[in-house]
C-alpha cells in the first residue's frame, strides 16, 4: 500500500469535514442558533441589523413558543422581542424588549438594563439602580418558573415581574394622555422628553433613574418598588420624561400606593 501523501491527507480531512457538515448542517456565516427564554408567547424575536426596532426583510427572526422560549441564529444586530402575549397573564405585550450580549433571556429587566447601559451608565451604578446585589447582573436573568431556580435568580425573576408591571402601568397612563411618542431619529444615549429609539416607557424609566441622582442622602441600593414614595418618585420623573403633565399630587399618591401594594404581591 502506497504511503499517503500530504495531498491525500488533505483530501481525507476535507472529506471528513464534508461528512460532519452534512450530518449537522452547514452554518450560513455565523448562523448557529442561540436559545433564549422569555415570558412572551407568540411574539416576534429578531436581530435588528438596521437598528430601527422593526423586523425587516432579510433580518433573522422567529416566533416565540407557547412557553416563551425561542432560538435565534447568531449574527449582527441586537436581539429584540415585540408583540405576543404574556404567558402568565395572557395580556398583550406592548413593550419592545431587548437584552444585553451574553444573556440567555429577555424581559423588562434586561431591556431596562440595556437602556441604562446605552446611556453610558457604569455597570456598578446600574446594579445599584436596579437593586441587584453581589455578583448578580441582568446576564444572570432567566425566564423560568421561580421554584425551579437558585435563590439569587429568584430575586431577578421577581424584579423583572415588578419592572414589567410598572412599565405597563406607566405606558397605559401615558397612552391615556395620548402623548406617548416615538422618534426613530433620536440618538442613543440621550434622554429627550418623549423620544427614544426604544420603547418609550422603558426609556423614560431609565432616564428617570438617571435623573434621580442619589447624592449624599440617598442610597440607590434602597430602591424598592414596594415603597410608595419610591414608586411615586419614579412615576413623577418618568411622566416628566415623556412630556406629560402630572396628575394632581393626591391622585399620584393614590396611584403610587396601589402600585406599591401590587408589587408586594408579585
C-alpha atoms as a PDB file:
ATOM      1  CA  UNK A   1       0.000   0.000   0.000  1.00  0.00           C
ATOM      2  CA  UNK A   2       1.457   3.341  -1.058  1.00  0.00           C
ATOM      3  CA  UNK A   3       2.161   5.846   1.725  1.00  0.00           C
ATOM      4  CA  UNK A   4      -0.268   8.753   1.998  1.00  0.00           C
ATOM      5  CA  UNK A   5       0.997  11.979   0.529  1.00  0.00           C
ATOM      6  CA  UNK A   6       0.261  15.403   2.127  1.00  0.00           C
ATOM      7  CA  UNK A   7      -2.264  15.991  -0.662  1.00  0.00           C
ATOM      8  CA  UNK A   8      -4.114  12.756   0.081  1.00  0.00           C
ATOM      9  CA  UNK A   9      -4.195  13.565   3.799  1.00  0.00           C
ATOM     10  CA  UNK A  10      -5.735  16.974   2.972  1.00  0.00           C
ATOM     11  CA  UNK A  11      -8.341  15.262   0.780  1.00  0.00           C
ATOM     12  CA  UNK A  12      -9.252  12.852   3.582  1.00  0.00           C
ATOM     13  CA  UNK A  13      -9.549  15.784   6.016  1.00  0.00           C
ATOM     14  CA  UNK A  14     -11.813  17.653   3.607  1.00  0.00           C
ATOM     15  CA  UNK A  15     -13.947  14.525   3.156  1.00  0.00           C
ATOM     16  CA  UNK A  16     -14.297  14.176   6.938  1.00  0.00           C
ATOM     17  CA  UNK A  17     -15.393  17.807   7.267  1.00  0.00           C
ATOM     18  CA  UNK A  18     -17.911  17.330   4.474  1.00  0.00           C
ATOM     19  CA  UNK A  19     -19.422  14.356   6.305  1.00  0.00           C
ATOM     20  CA  UNK A  20     -19.660  16.372   9.540  1.00  0.00           C
ATOM     21  CA  UNK A  21     -21.304  19.345   7.792  1.00  0.00           C
ATOM     22  CA  UNK A  22     -23.799  17.062   6.078  1.00  0.00           C
ATOM     23  CA  UNK A  23     -24.637  15.469   9.430  1.00  0.00           C
ATOM     24  CA  UNK A  24     -25.175  18.654  11.478  1.00  0.00           C
ATOM     25  CA  UNK A  25     -25.980  21.199   8.789  1.00  0.00           C
ATOM     26  CA  UNK A  26     -23.688  23.736   7.173  1.00  0.00           C
ATOM     27  CA  UNK A  27     -23.796  27.054   9.035  1.00  0.00           C
ATOM     28  CA  UNK A  28     -24.552  30.167   6.995  1.00  0.00           C
ATOM     29  CA  UNK A  29     -21.828  32.570   8.113  1.00  0.00           C
ATOM     30  CA  UNK A  30     -22.118  32.636  11.920  1.00  0.00           C
ATOM     31  CA  UNK A  31     -25.652  31.282  11.973  1.00  0.00           C
ATOM     32  CA  UNK A  32     -25.547  28.775  14.819  1.00  0.00           C
ATOM     33  CA  UNK A  33     -28.771  29.215  16.785  1.00  0.00           C
ATOM     34  CA  UNK A  34     -28.751  30.561  20.342  1.00  0.00           C
ATOM     35  CA  UNK A  35     -31.547  29.631  22.757  1.00  0.00           C
ATOM     36  CA  UNK A  36     -33.387  32.263  24.813  1.00  0.00           C
ATOM     37  CA  UNK A  37     -36.145  32.199  27.406  1.00  0.00           C
ATOM     38  CA  UNK A  38     -38.863  34.821  27.869  1.00  0.00           C
ATOM     39  CA  UNK A  39     -42.331  35.195  29.368  1.00  0.00           C
ATOM     40  CA  UNK A  40     -43.847  36.144  25.990  1.00  0.00           C
ATOM     41  CA  UNK A  41     -45.583  33.616  23.725  1.00  0.00           C
ATOM     42  CA  UNK A  42     -46.300  34.158  20.028  1.00  0.00           C
ATOM     43  CA  UNK A  43     -44.007  37.180  19.959  1.00  0.00           C
ATOM     44  CA  UNK A  44     -41.609  38.093  17.158  1.00  0.00           C
ATOM     45  CA  UNK A  45     -37.929  37.828  18.089  1.00  0.00           C
ATOM     46  CA  UNK A  46     -35.407  39.269  15.639  1.00  0.00           C
ATOM     47  CA  UNK A  47     -31.893  40.616  15.177  1.00  0.00           C
ATOM     48  CA  UNK A  48     -32.188  44.305  14.385  1.00  0.00           C
ATOM     49  CA  UNK A  49     -29.405  44.713  11.849  1.00  0.00           C
ATOM     50  CA  UNK A  50     -30.657  48.080  10.534  1.00  0.00           C
ATOM     51  CA  UNK A  51     -31.256  49.455  14.056  1.00  0.00           C
ATOM     52  CA  UNK A  52     -34.846  50.620  13.653  1.00  0.00           C
ATOM     53  CA  UNK A  53     -36.595  48.409  16.215  1.00  0.00           C
ATOM     54  CA  UNK A  54     -38.570  46.661  13.464  1.00  0.00           C
ATOM     55  CA  UNK A  55     -38.191  43.166  11.941  1.00  0.00           C
ATOM     56  CA  UNK A  56     -37.185  43.911   8.326  1.00  0.00           C
ATOM     57  CA  UNK A  57     -36.760  41.718   5.265  1.00  0.00           C
ATOM     58  CA  UNK A  58     -33.506  39.793   5.432  1.00  0.00           C
ATOM     59  CA  UNK A  59     -33.168  40.042   9.210  1.00  0.00           C
ATOM     60  CA  UNK A  60     -33.089  36.854  11.249  1.00  0.00           C
ATOM     61  CA  UNK A  61     -36.372  36.341  13.058  1.00  0.00           C
ATOM     62  CA  UNK A  62     -38.527  33.710  14.717  1.00  0.00           C
ATOM     63  CA  UNK A  63     -41.736  33.321  16.747  1.00  0.00           C
ATOM     64  CA  UNK A  64     -41.649  32.521  20.453  1.00  0.00           C
ATOM     65  CA  UNK A  65     -43.111  29.208  21.606  1.00  0.00           C
ATOM     66  CA  UNK A  66     -46.114  28.786  23.902  1.00  0.00           C
ATOM     67  CA  UNK A  67     -43.765  28.768  26.920  1.00  0.00           C
ATOM     68  CA  UNK A  68     -41.925  31.869  25.664  1.00  0.00           C
ATOM     69  CA  UNK A  69     -38.699  30.182  24.560  1.00  0.00           C
ATOM     70  CA  UNK A  70     -37.095  30.696  21.151  1.00  0.00           C
ATOM     71  CA  UNK A  71     -33.905  30.052  19.197  1.00  0.00           C
ATOM     72  CA  UNK A  72     -32.355  32.768  17.062  1.00  0.00           C
ATOM     73  CA  UNK A  73     -29.382  32.439  14.758  1.00  0.00           C
ATOM     74  CA  UNK A  74     -26.226  34.313  15.733  1.00  0.00           C
ATOM     75  CA  UNK A  75     -25.303  37.286  13.614  1.00  0.00           C
ATOM     76  CA  UNK A  76     -25.199  41.068  13.526  1.00  0.00           C
ATOM     77  CA  UNK A  77     -27.843  43.146  15.249  1.00  0.00           C
ATOM     78  CA  UNK A  78     -29.228  43.431  18.761  1.00  0.00           C
ATOM     79  CA  UNK A  79     -31.880  40.894  19.760  1.00  0.00           C
ATOM     80  CA  UNK A  80     -35.380  42.364  20.165  1.00  0.00           C
ATOM     81  CA  UNK A  81     -38.763  40.878  21.052  1.00  0.00           C
ATOM     82  CA  UNK A  82     -42.056  42.569  20.258  1.00  0.00           C
ATOM     83  CA  UNK A  83     -45.731  41.624  20.202  1.00  0.00           C
ATOM     84  CA  UNK A  84     -47.119  38.391  21.562  1.00  0.00           C
ATOM     85  CA  UNK A  85     -48.813  37.703  24.881  1.00  0.00           C
ATOM     86  CA  UNK A  86     -47.635  37.297  28.462  1.00  0.00           C
ATOM     87  CA  UNK A  87     -47.508  33.585  29.307  1.00  0.00           C
ATOM     88  CA  UNK A  88     -48.916  34.044  32.818  1.00  0.00           C
ATOM     89  CA  UNK A  89     -51.497  36.817  32.398  1.00  0.00           C
ATOM     90  CA  UNK A  90     -52.451  36.384  28.728  1.00  0.00           C
ATOM     91  CA  UNK A  91     -52.224  40.169  28.288  1.00  0.00           C
ATOM     92  CA  UNK A  92     -50.706  41.569  25.063  1.00  0.00           C
ATOM     93  CA  UNK A  93     -47.045  42.523  25.236  1.00  0.00           C
ATOM     94  CA  UNK A  94     -46.919  46.231  24.361  1.00  0.00           C
ATOM     95  CA  UNK A  95     -43.212  46.669  25.046  1.00  0.00           C
ATOM     96  CA  UNK A  96     -40.239  46.447  22.725  1.00  0.00           C
ATOM     97  CA  UNK A  97     -37.928  44.193  24.735  1.00  0.00           C
ATOM     98  CA  UNK A  98     -34.218  43.732  24.277  1.00  0.00           C
ATOM     99  CA  UNK A  99     -31.322  42.139  26.107  1.00  0.00           C
ATOM    100  CA  UNK A 100     -27.574  42.762  26.516  1.00  0.00           C
ATOM    101  CA  UNK A 101     -24.967  40.495  24.897  1.00  0.00           C
ATOM    102  CA  UNK A 102     -24.249  37.271  26.769  1.00  0.00           C
ATOM    103  CA  UNK A 103     -27.735  36.795  28.219  1.00  0.00           C
ATOM    104  CA  UNK A 104     -29.963  33.772  27.742  1.00  0.00           C
ATOM    105  CA  UNK A 105     -33.269  35.510  28.458  1.00  0.00           C
ATOM    106  CA  UNK A 106     -35.150  38.661  27.509  1.00  0.00           C
ATOM    107  CA  UNK A 107     -37.628  40.726  29.532  1.00  0.00           C
ATOM    108  CA  UNK A 108     -38.383  44.138  31.035  1.00  0.00           C
ATOM    109  CA  UNK A 109     -35.405  43.858  33.374  1.00  0.00           C
ATOM    110  CA  UNK A 110     -32.924  43.152  30.581  1.00  0.00           C
ATOM    111  CA  UNK A 111     -34.463  45.919  28.438  1.00  0.00           C
ATOM    112  CA  UNK A 112     -34.147  48.428  31.279  1.00  0.00           C
ATOM    113  CA  UNK A 113     -30.576  47.284  31.968  1.00  0.00           C
ATOM    114  CA  UNK A 114     -29.655  47.811  28.310  1.00  0.00           C
ATOM    115  CA  UNK A 115     -31.377  51.216  28.192  1.00  0.00           C
ATOM    116  CA  UNK A 116     -29.271  52.358  31.148  1.00  0.00           C
ATOM    117  CA  UNK A 117     -26.069  50.958  29.643  1.00  0.00           C
ATOM    118  CA  UNK A 118     -26.867  52.676  26.322  1.00  0.00           C
ATOM    119  CA  UNK A 119     -26.942  55.906  28.313  1.00  0.00           C
ATOM    120  CA  UNK A 120     -23.343  55.336  29.383  1.00  0.00           C
ATOM    121  CA  UNK A 121     -24.183  54.282  32.943  1.00  0.00           C
ATOM    122  CA  UNK A 122     -21.451  52.082  34.511  1.00  0.00           C
ATOM    123  CA  UNK A 123     -22.376  48.511  35.415  1.00  0.00           C
ATOM    124  CA  UNK A 124     -21.814  49.147  39.135  1.00  0.00           C
ATOM    125  CA  UNK A 125     -24.237  52.087  39.103  1.00  0.00           C
ATOM    126  CA  UNK A 126     -26.862  50.208  37.072  1.00  0.00           C
ATOM    127  CA  UNK A 127     -26.734  47.367  39.602  1.00  0.00           C
ATOM    128  CA  UNK A 128     -27.457  49.841  42.403  1.00  0.00           C
ATOM    129  CA  UNK A 129     -30.262  51.473  40.412  1.00  0.00           C
ATOM    130  CA  UNK A 130     -31.945  48.111  39.918  1.00  0.00           C
ATOM    131  CA  UNK A 131     -31.136  46.923  43.446  1.00  0.00           C
ATOM    132  CA  UNK A 132     -29.036  43.956  42.291  1.00  0.00           C
ATOM    133  CA  UNK A 133     -26.708  42.628  44.944  1.00  0.00           C
ATOM    134  CA  UNK A 134     -23.416  40.719  44.892  1.00  0.00           C
ATOM    135  CA  UNK A 135     -22.257  39.316  41.559  1.00  0.00           C
ATOM    136  CA  UNK A 136     -25.771  39.257  40.083  1.00  0.00           C
ATOM    137  CA  UNK A 137     -26.418  41.238  36.875  1.00  0.00           C
ATOM    138  CA  UNK A 138     -29.026  41.156  34.107  1.00  0.00           C
ATOM    139  CA  UNK A 139     -26.905  38.493  32.393  1.00  0.00           C
ATOM    140  CA  UNK A 140     -27.983  36.041  35.114  1.00  0.00           C
ATOM    141  CA  UNK A 141     -31.702  36.514  34.447  1.00  0.00           C
ATOM    142  CA  UNK A 142     -33.677  33.531  33.147  1.00  0.00           C
ATOM    143  CA  UNK A 143     -37.401  33.337  32.395  1.00  0.00           C
ATOM    144  CA  UNK A 144     -38.211  30.113  34.211  1.00  0.00           C
ATOM    145  CA  UNK A 145     -40.664  29.098  36.968  1.00  0.00           C
ATOM    146  CA  UNK A 146     -39.385  30.749  40.138  1.00  0.00           C
ATOM    147  CA  UNK A 147     -39.494  27.480  42.118  1.00  0.00           C
ATOM    148  CA  UNK A 148     -37.007  25.850  39.714  1.00  0.00           C
ATOM    149  CA  UNK A 149     -34.118  28.327  40.061  1.00  0.00           C
ATOM    150  CA  UNK A 150     -31.442  29.196  42.614  1.00  0.00           C
ATOM    151  CA  UNK A 151     -32.256  31.776  45.344  1.00  0.00           C
ATOM    152  CA  UNK A 152     -30.212  34.580  43.743  1.00  0.00           C
ATOM    153  CA  UNK A 153     -32.075  34.102  40.439  1.00  0.00           C
ATOM    154  CA  UNK A 154     -35.450  34.205  42.193  1.00  0.00           C
ATOM    155  CA  UNK A 155     -34.770  37.843  43.023  1.00  0.00           C
ATOM    156  CA  UNK A 156     -34.117  38.622  39.351  1.00  0.00           C
ATOM    157  CA  UNK A 157     -37.357  36.930  38.257  1.00  0.00           C
ATOM    158  CA  UNK A 158     -39.299  38.901  40.853  1.00  0.00           C
ATOM    159  CA  UNK A 159     -37.539  42.135  39.865  1.00  0.00           C
ATOM    160  CA  UNK A 160     -38.371  41.517  36.195  1.00  0.00           C
ATOM    161  CA  UNK A 161     -42.061  40.996  37.016  1.00  0.00           C
ATOM    162  CA  UNK A 162     -42.126  44.189  39.081  1.00  0.00           C
ATOM    163  CA  UNK A 163     -40.480  46.301  36.391  1.00  0.00           C
ATOM    164  CA  UNK A 164     -42.697  44.789  33.714  1.00  0.00           C
ATOM    165  CA  UNK A 165     -45.804  45.711  35.715  1.00  0.00           C
ATOM    166  CA  UNK A 166     -44.512  49.206  36.485  1.00  0.00           C
ATOM    167  CA  UNK A 167     -43.646  49.897  32.830  1.00  0.00           C
ATOM    168  CA  UNK A 168     -47.056  48.624  31.694  1.00  0.00           C
ATOM    169  CA  UNK A 169     -48.767  50.976  34.159  1.00  0.00           C
ATOM    170  CA  UNK A 170     -46.561  53.847  33.034  1.00  0.00           C
ATOM    171  CA  UNK A 171     -47.271  53.163  29.378  1.00  0.00           C
ATOM    172  CA  UNK A 172     -51.023  52.815  29.954  1.00  0.00           C
ATOM    173  CA  UNK A 173     -51.081  56.133  31.808  1.00  0.00           C
ATOM    174  CA  UNK A 174     -49.082  57.794  29.044  1.00  0.00           C
ATOM    175  CA  UNK A 175     -51.309  56.368  26.310  1.00  0.00           C
ATOM    176  CA  UNK A 176     -54.378  57.540  28.187  1.00  0.00           C
ATOM    177  CA  UNK A 177     -52.899  61.032  27.977  1.00  0.00           C
ATOM    178  CA  UNK A 178     -52.289  60.416  24.249  1.00  0.00           C
ATOM    179  CA  UNK A 179     -48.792  61.818  24.460  1.00  0.00           C
ATOM    180  CA  UNK A 180     -46.681  58.686  24.146  1.00  0.00           C
ATOM    181  CA  UNK A 181     -44.430  59.322  21.153  1.00  0.00           C
ATOM    182  CA  UNK A 182     -41.584  57.568  19.363  1.00  0.00           C
ATOM    183  CA  UNK A 183     -38.958  59.359  17.281  1.00  0.00           C
ATOM    184  CA  UNK A 184     -36.784  56.910  15.379  1.00  0.00           C
ATOM    185  CA  UNK A 185     -34.217  59.641  14.757  1.00  0.00           C
ATOM    186  CA  UNK A 186     -33.413  60.118  18.438  1.00  0.00           C
ATOM    187  CA  UNK A 187     -29.798  59.417  19.296  1.00  0.00           C
ATOM    188  CA  UNK A 188     -28.942  56.550  21.627  1.00  0.00           C
ATOM    189  CA  UNK A 189     -27.593  57.663  24.975  1.00  0.00           C
ATOM    190  CA  UNK A 190     -29.804  60.737  25.262  1.00  0.00           C
ATOM    191  CA  UNK A 191     -32.927  61.388  27.306  1.00  0.00           C
ATOM    192  CA  UNK A 192     -35.088  63.872  25.353  1.00  0.00           C
ATOM    193  CA  UNK A 193     -38.686  64.164  26.566  1.00  0.00           C
ATOM    194  CA  UNK A 194     -41.000  61.780  24.773  1.00  0.00           C
ATOM    195  CA  UNK A 195     -38.491  60.456  22.250  1.00  0.00           C
ATOM    196  CA  UNK A 196     -36.483  57.271  22.051  1.00  0.00           C
ATOM    197  CA  UNK A 197     -35.342  54.582  19.658  1.00  0.00           C
ATOM    198  CA  UNK A 198     -36.600  52.033  22.205  1.00  0.00           C
ATOM    199  CA  UNK A 199     -39.941  51.549  23.873  1.00  0.00           C
ATOM    200  CA  UNK A 200     -40.782  54.994  25.278  1.00  0.00           C
ATOM    201  CA  UNK A 201     -41.898  53.763  28.685  1.00  0.00           C
ATOM    202  CA  UNK A 202     -38.731  51.738  29.271  1.00  0.00           C
ATOM    203  CA  UNK A 203     -36.588  54.633  28.032  1.00  0.00           C
ATOM    204  CA  UNK A 204     -38.447  57.098  30.253  1.00  0.00           C
ATOM    205  CA  UNK A 205     -37.948  54.900  33.318  1.00  0.00           C
ATOM    206  CA  UNK A 206     -34.231  54.564  32.514  1.00  0.00           C
ATOM    207  CA  UNK A 207     -33.890  58.339  32.204  1.00  0.00           C
ATOM    208  CA  UNK A 208     -35.881  58.831  35.397  1.00  0.00           C
ATOM    209  CA  UNK A 209     -33.496  56.532  37.272  1.00  0.00           C
ATOM    210  CA  UNK A 210     -30.529  58.506  35.948  1.00  0.00           C
ATOM    211  CA  UNK A 211     -32.210  61.805  36.802  1.00  0.00           C
ATOM    212  CA  UNK A 212     -32.915  60.716  40.382  1.00  0.00           C
ATOM    213  CA  UNK A 213     -29.239  61.112  41.219  1.00  0.00           C
ATOM    214  CA  UNK A 214     -28.739  59.777  44.759  1.00  0.00           C
ATOM    215  CA  UNK A 215     -26.386  62.458  46.047  1.00  0.00           C
ATOM    216  CA  UNK A 216     -25.295  62.173  49.661  1.00  0.00           C
ATOM    217  CA  UNK A 217     -28.639  61.460  51.273  1.00  0.00           C
ATOM    218  CA  UNK A 218     -29.955  58.624  49.136  1.00  0.00           C
ATOM    219  CA  UNK A 219     -28.686  55.100  48.706  1.00  0.00           C
ATOM    220  CA  UNK A 220     -29.619  53.500  45.373  1.00  0.00           C
ATOM    221  CA  UNK A 221     -29.429  50.068  46.958  1.00  0.00           C
ATOM    222  CA  UNK A 222     -32.588  51.041  48.878  1.00  0.00           C
ATOM    223  CA  UNK A 223     -34.553  51.402  45.638  1.00  0.00           C
ATOM    224  CA  UNK A 224     -37.678  49.345  46.243  1.00  0.00           C
ATOM    225  CA  UNK A 225     -40.799  49.217  44.069  1.00  0.00           C
ATOM    226  CA  UNK A 226     -42.856  48.110  47.075  1.00  0.00           C
ATOM    227  CA  UNK A 227     -42.161  51.519  48.656  1.00  0.00           C
ATOM    228  CA  UNK A 228     -44.944  54.031  47.754  1.00  0.00           C
ATOM    229  CA  UNK A 229     -42.572  57.017  47.953  1.00  0.00           C
ATOM    230  CA  UNK A 230     -40.120  55.377  45.554  1.00  0.00           C
ATOM    231  CA  UNK A 231     -42.925  54.452  43.147  1.00  0.00           C
ATOM    232  CA  UNK A 232     -44.369  57.973  43.318  1.00  0.00           C
ATOM    233  CA  UNK A 233     -40.955  59.466  42.613  1.00  0.00           C
ATOM    234  CA  UNK A 234     -40.422  57.172  39.623  1.00  0.00           C
ATOM    235  CA  UNK A 235     -43.897  57.875  38.235  1.00  0.00           C
ATOM    236  CA  UNK A 236     -43.340  61.633  38.520  1.00  0.00           C
ATOM    237  CA  UNK A 237     -39.909  61.578  36.888  1.00  0.00           C
ATOM    238  CA  UNK A 238     -40.910  59.104  34.151  1.00  0.00           C
ATOM    239  CA  UNK A 239     -44.026  61.046  33.169  1.00  0.00           C
ATOM    240  CA  UNK A 240     -41.973  64.224  33.051  1.00  0.00           C
ATOM    241  CA  UNK A 241     -39.523  62.475  30.701  1.00  0.00           C
ATOM    242  CA  UNK A 242     -42.486  61.588  28.480  1.00  0.00           C
ATOM    243  CA  UNK A 243     -43.553  65.238  28.384  1.00  0.00           C
ATOM    244  CA  UNK A 244     -46.778  64.538  30.288  1.00  0.00           C
ATOM    245  CA  UNK A 245     -48.415  66.970  32.686  1.00  0.00           C
ATOM    246  CA  UNK A 246     -48.501  65.246  36.058  1.00  0.00           C
ATOM    247  CA  UNK A 247     -51.826  64.460  37.724  1.00  0.00           C
ATOM    248  CA  UNK A 248     -52.514  66.312  40.946  1.00  0.00           C
ATOM    249  CA  UNK A 249     -50.468  65.096  43.885  1.00  0.00           C
ATOM    250  CA  UNK A 250     -53.340  63.361  45.670  1.00  0.00           C
ATOM    251  CA  UNK A 251     -54.135  61.237  42.591  1.00  0.00           C
ATOM    252  CA  UNK A 252     -50.471  60.437  42.069  1.00  0.00           C
ATOM    253  CA  UNK A 253     -50.226  59.330  45.710  1.00  0.00           C
ATOM    254  CA  UNK A 254     -53.233  57.030  45.321  1.00  0.00           C
ATOM    255  CA  UNK A 255     -51.721  55.560  42.148  1.00  0.00           C
ATOM    256  CA  UNK A 256     -48.345  55.062  43.843  1.00  0.00           C
ATOM    257  CA  UNK A 257     -49.886  53.382  46.892  1.00  0.00           C
ATOM    258  CA  UNK A 258     -51.945  50.994  44.756  1.00  0.00           C
ATOM    259  CA  UNK A 259     -48.933  50.162  42.578  1.00  0.00           C
ATOM    260  CA  UNK A 260     -46.662  49.534  45.578  1.00  0.00           C
ATOM    261  CA  UNK A 261     -49.296  47.256  47.142  1.00  0.00           C
ATOM    262  CA  UNK A 262     -49.456  45.240  43.937  1.00  0.00           C
ATOM    263  CA  UNK A 263     -45.657  44.988  43.788  1.00  0.00           C
ATOM    264  CA  UNK A 264     -45.679  43.363  47.237  1.00  0.00           C
ATOM    265  CA  UNK A 265     -47.803  40.528  45.817  1.00  0.00           C
ATOM    266  CA  UNK A 266     -45.539  39.822  42.840  1.00  0.00           C
END
